[in-house]
N, C-alpha and C. Protein backbone atom coordinates (compact mmCIF):
# COMPACT_ATOMS: atom_id res chain seq x y z
N UNK A 1 109.22 114.52 286.64
CA UNK A 1 110.21 115.18 285.88
C UNK A 1 109.58 115.45 284.51
N UNK A 2 109.74 116.78 284.15
CA UNK A 2 109.01 117.14 282.91
C UNK A 2 110.10 116.94 281.75
N UNK A 3 109.64 117.13 280.50
CA UNK A 3 110.50 116.96 279.35
C UNK A 3 111.76 117.63 279.32
N UNK A 4 111.81 118.91 279.93
CA UNK A 4 112.92 119.72 279.88
C UNK A 4 114.05 119.13 280.80
N UNK A 5 113.66 118.44 281.85
CA UNK A 5 114.61 117.96 282.71
C UNK A 5 114.99 116.39 282.46
N UNK A 6 114.17 115.75 281.68
CA UNK A 6 114.44 114.27 281.35
C UNK A 6 115.68 114.03 280.45
N UNK A 7 116.50 113.24 280.97
CA UNK A 7 117.75 112.96 280.03
C UNK A 7 117.43 112.43 278.73
N UNK A 8 118.24 112.92 277.72
CA UNK A 8 118.01 112.44 276.44
C UNK A 8 118.43 110.90 276.28
N UNK A 9 117.67 110.17 275.57
CA UNK A 9 118.19 108.82 275.21
C UNK A 9 119.27 108.94 274.18
N UNK A 10 120.38 108.15 274.38
CA UNK A 10 121.47 108.30 273.46
C UNK A 10 121.48 107.30 272.32
N UNK A 11 120.64 106.22 272.52
CA UNK A 11 120.64 105.26 271.46
C UNK A 11 119.99 105.88 270.25
N UNK A 12 120.55 105.77 269.06
CA UNK A 12 120.03 106.30 267.90
C UNK A 12 120.71 107.73 267.67
N UNK A 13 121.39 108.26 268.65
CA UNK A 13 121.88 109.52 268.46
C UNK A 13 123.49 109.48 268.54
N UNK A 14 123.95 108.50 269.29
CA UNK A 14 125.40 108.33 269.43
C UNK A 14 125.78 106.99 268.83
N UNK A 15 126.74 106.96 267.94
CA UNK A 15 127.20 105.83 267.15
C UNK A 15 128.71 105.60 267.30
N UNK A 16 129.03 104.32 267.10
CA UNK A 16 130.41 103.89 267.16
C UNK A 16 130.77 103.24 265.79
N UNK A 17 131.68 103.70 265.08
CA UNK A 17 132.12 103.10 263.87
C UNK A 17 133.66 103.16 263.75
N UNK A 18 134.31 102.02 263.52
CA UNK A 18 135.80 102.00 263.56
C UNK A 18 136.38 102.95 262.44
N UNK A 19 135.52 103.23 261.46
CA UNK A 19 135.93 104.00 260.31
C UNK A 19 135.66 105.56 260.59
N UNK A 20 135.13 105.96 261.65
CA UNK A 20 134.85 107.39 261.94
C UNK A 20 135.53 107.66 263.30
N UNK A 21 136.38 108.65 263.24
CA UNK A 21 137.00 109.11 264.58
C UNK A 21 137.74 108.03 265.35
N UNK A 22 138.30 107.09 264.68
CA UNK A 22 139.04 105.97 265.20
C UNK A 22 138.19 105.17 266.16
N UNK A 23 136.89 105.08 265.85
CA UNK A 23 135.96 104.32 266.59
C UNK A 23 135.53 104.98 267.95
N UNK A 24 135.80 106.17 268.10
CA UNK A 24 135.27 106.93 269.25
C UNK A 24 133.74 107.05 269.11
N UNK A 25 132.95 107.11 270.16
CA UNK A 25 131.53 107.37 270.06
C UNK A 25 131.35 108.83 269.57
N UNK A 26 130.51 109.03 268.60
CA UNK A 26 130.29 110.38 267.93
C UNK A 26 128.77 110.60 267.91
N UNK A 27 128.37 111.84 267.73
CA UNK A 27 127.04 112.29 267.39
C UNK A 27 126.78 111.74 265.99
N UNK A 28 125.63 110.90 265.82
CA UNK A 28 125.36 110.27 264.52
C UNK A 28 125.36 111.22 263.35
N UNK A 29 126.09 110.90 262.35
CA UNK A 29 126.09 111.63 261.15
C UNK A 29 127.13 112.76 261.17
N UNK A 30 128.08 112.80 262.24
CA UNK A 30 129.10 113.81 262.39
C UNK A 30 130.31 113.07 262.69
N UNK A 31 131.35 113.89 262.91
CA UNK A 31 132.61 113.48 263.47
C UNK A 31 132.89 114.09 264.81
N UNK A 32 131.86 114.66 265.44
CA UNK A 32 131.95 115.27 266.75
C UNK A 32 131.87 114.24 267.74
N UNK A 33 132.98 113.88 268.48
CA UNK A 33 133.04 112.88 269.44
C UNK A 33 132.28 113.21 270.79
N UNK A 34 131.77 112.33 271.41
CA UNK A 34 131.20 112.47 272.77
C UNK A 34 132.22 113.11 273.72
N UNK A 35 133.52 112.59 273.55
CA UNK A 35 134.64 113.23 274.42
C UNK A 35 134.87 114.68 274.19
N UNK A 36 134.75 115.10 272.80
CA UNK A 36 134.99 116.52 272.54
C UNK A 36 133.86 117.42 273.00
N UNK A 37 132.62 116.98 272.85
CA UNK A 37 131.52 117.66 273.31
C UNK A 37 131.58 117.78 274.94
N UNK A 38 131.95 116.72 275.64
CA UNK A 38 132.11 116.71 277.08
C UNK A 38 133.25 117.62 277.49
N UNK A 39 134.34 117.61 276.79
CA UNK A 39 135.45 118.65 277.06
C UNK A 39 134.94 120.05 276.95
N UNK A 40 134.24 120.36 275.90
CA UNK A 40 133.80 121.70 275.71
C UNK A 40 132.85 122.08 276.87
N UNK A 41 131.96 121.25 277.26
CA UNK A 41 131.01 121.49 278.29
C UNK A 41 131.78 121.70 279.71
N UNK A 42 132.74 120.81 279.91
CA UNK A 42 133.49 120.89 281.16
C UNK A 42 134.38 122.24 281.15
N UNK A 43 134.72 122.63 279.99
CA UNK A 43 135.55 123.84 279.81
C UNK A 43 134.78 125.16 279.98
N UNK A 44 133.35 125.00 280.20
CA UNK A 44 132.60 126.18 280.37
C UNK A 44 131.71 126.58 279.33
N UNK A 45 131.78 125.89 278.05
CA UNK A 45 130.91 126.27 277.01
C UNK A 45 129.44 125.82 277.31
N UNK A 46 128.43 126.65 277.01
CA UNK A 46 127.14 126.18 277.18
C UNK A 46 126.61 125.45 276.02
N UNK A 47 125.47 124.73 276.19
CA UNK A 47 124.86 124.05 275.18
C UNK A 47 124.48 124.94 274.04
N UNK A 48 124.03 126.13 274.41
CA UNK A 48 123.63 127.11 273.35
C UNK A 48 124.80 127.46 272.53
N UNK A 49 125.92 127.71 273.11
CA UNK A 49 127.22 128.06 272.34
C UNK A 49 127.57 126.82 271.49
N UNK A 50 127.41 125.64 271.77
CA UNK A 50 127.73 124.54 270.93
C UNK A 50 126.82 124.49 269.80
N UNK A 51 125.47 124.73 270.04
CA UNK A 51 124.49 124.77 268.93
C UNK A 51 124.68 125.86 267.98
N UNK A 52 125.22 127.07 268.42
CA UNK A 52 125.54 128.16 267.55
C UNK A 52 126.76 127.81 266.62
N UNK A 53 127.82 127.06 267.24
CA UNK A 53 128.93 126.65 266.57
C UNK A 53 128.70 125.50 265.48
N UNK A 54 127.81 124.58 265.88
CA UNK A 54 127.37 123.43 265.04
C UNK A 54 125.93 123.35 264.87
N UNK A 55 125.36 124.16 264.04
CA UNK A 55 123.82 124.32 263.89
C UNK A 55 123.23 123.03 263.42
N UNK A 56 124.05 122.10 262.86
CA UNK A 56 123.50 120.91 262.29
C UNK A 56 123.31 119.83 263.42
N UNK A 57 123.70 120.17 264.68
CA UNK A 57 123.33 119.11 265.78
C UNK A 57 122.21 119.85 266.67
N UNK A 58 121.63 119.01 267.51
CA UNK A 58 120.53 119.51 268.30
C UNK A 58 120.83 119.49 269.71
N UNK A 59 119.98 120.16 270.55
CA UNK A 59 120.11 120.19 271.99
C UNK A 59 120.05 118.67 272.48
N UNK A 60 119.14 117.96 271.85
CA UNK A 60 119.03 116.50 272.27
C UNK A 60 120.32 115.76 271.97
N UNK A 61 120.99 116.12 270.82
CA UNK A 61 122.33 115.40 270.54
C UNK A 61 123.37 115.63 271.70
N UNK A 62 123.34 116.92 272.12
CA UNK A 62 124.35 117.28 273.23
C UNK A 62 123.89 116.61 274.55
N UNK A 63 122.60 116.60 274.92
CA UNK A 63 122.12 115.82 276.05
C UNK A 63 122.44 114.37 275.93
N UNK A 64 122.40 113.86 274.75
CA UNK A 64 122.60 112.37 274.49
C UNK A 64 124.04 112.03 274.75
N UNK A 65 124.97 113.04 274.55
CA UNK A 65 126.41 112.80 274.85
C UNK A 65 126.63 112.66 276.37
N UNK A 66 125.81 113.61 277.13
CA UNK A 66 125.97 113.45 278.53
C UNK A 66 125.31 112.18 279.09
N UNK A 67 124.27 111.81 278.51
CA UNK A 67 123.60 110.50 278.98
C UNK A 67 124.47 109.34 278.62
N UNK A 68 125.03 109.40 277.50
CA UNK A 68 125.97 108.26 277.16
C UNK A 68 127.17 108.13 278.15
N UNK A 69 127.72 109.35 278.41
CA UNK A 69 128.80 109.41 279.43
C UNK A 69 128.30 108.85 280.84
N UNK A 70 127.02 109.30 281.27
CA UNK A 70 126.59 108.73 282.47
C UNK A 70 126.44 107.26 282.50
N UNK A 71 125.82 106.72 281.35
CA UNK A 71 125.54 105.33 281.28
C UNK A 71 126.94 104.52 281.29
N UNK A 72 127.98 105.10 280.56
CA UNK A 72 129.21 104.41 280.53
C UNK A 72 130.00 104.39 281.95
N UNK A 73 129.89 105.54 282.62
CA UNK A 73 130.38 105.55 284.05
C UNK A 73 129.76 104.64 284.96
N UNK A 74 128.40 104.41 284.82
CA UNK A 74 127.68 103.40 285.62
C UNK A 74 128.32 102.02 285.51
N UNK A 75 128.95 101.74 284.38
CA UNK A 75 129.51 100.41 284.16
C UNK A 75 130.94 100.28 284.84
N UNK A 76 131.53 101.32 285.18
CA UNK A 76 132.89 101.14 285.69
C UNK A 76 132.85 100.74 287.14
N UNK A 77 133.67 99.84 287.42
CA UNK A 77 133.85 99.29 288.86
C UNK A 77 135.31 99.56 289.31
N UNK A 78 135.37 100.29 290.33
CA UNK A 78 136.60 100.65 291.06
C UNK A 78 137.12 99.56 291.92
N UNK A 79 138.27 98.96 291.66
CA UNK A 79 138.69 97.85 292.54
C UNK A 79 139.57 98.41 293.70
N UNK A 80 140.28 99.46 293.56
CA UNK A 80 141.10 99.98 294.66
C UNK A 80 140.50 101.26 295.14
N UNK A 81 139.91 101.25 296.27
CA UNK A 81 139.26 102.37 296.95
C UNK A 81 140.20 103.35 297.74
N UNK A 82 141.45 103.02 297.72
CA UNK A 82 142.45 103.84 298.38
C UNK A 82 142.48 105.30 297.83
N UNK A 83 142.53 106.31 298.61
CA UNK A 83 142.69 107.63 298.09
C UNK A 83 144.05 108.06 298.46
N UNK A 84 144.72 108.59 297.52
CA UNK A 84 146.07 109.08 297.66
C UNK A 84 146.06 110.53 297.63
N UNK A 85 146.84 111.14 298.61
CA UNK A 85 146.75 112.50 298.75
C UNK A 85 148.11 113.11 298.40
């Protein structure tokens, strides 16, 4: 895996502070929450579009949001495996 494909480490880039954004994980030094960045990406915005809108964040910050979400989801355990249709 080359550097372009390697997931960004989120430690040091994503912070949680009860005084900032009600304690939601945010990109360090901003009020941009991981949730908001993921919502934008899921809604079809590209990383480049995010960087144009917020030039003070980096590509690595956005990738750190994705990596943070991945690591958080890894910790979730589903107790009820029934699928409802």
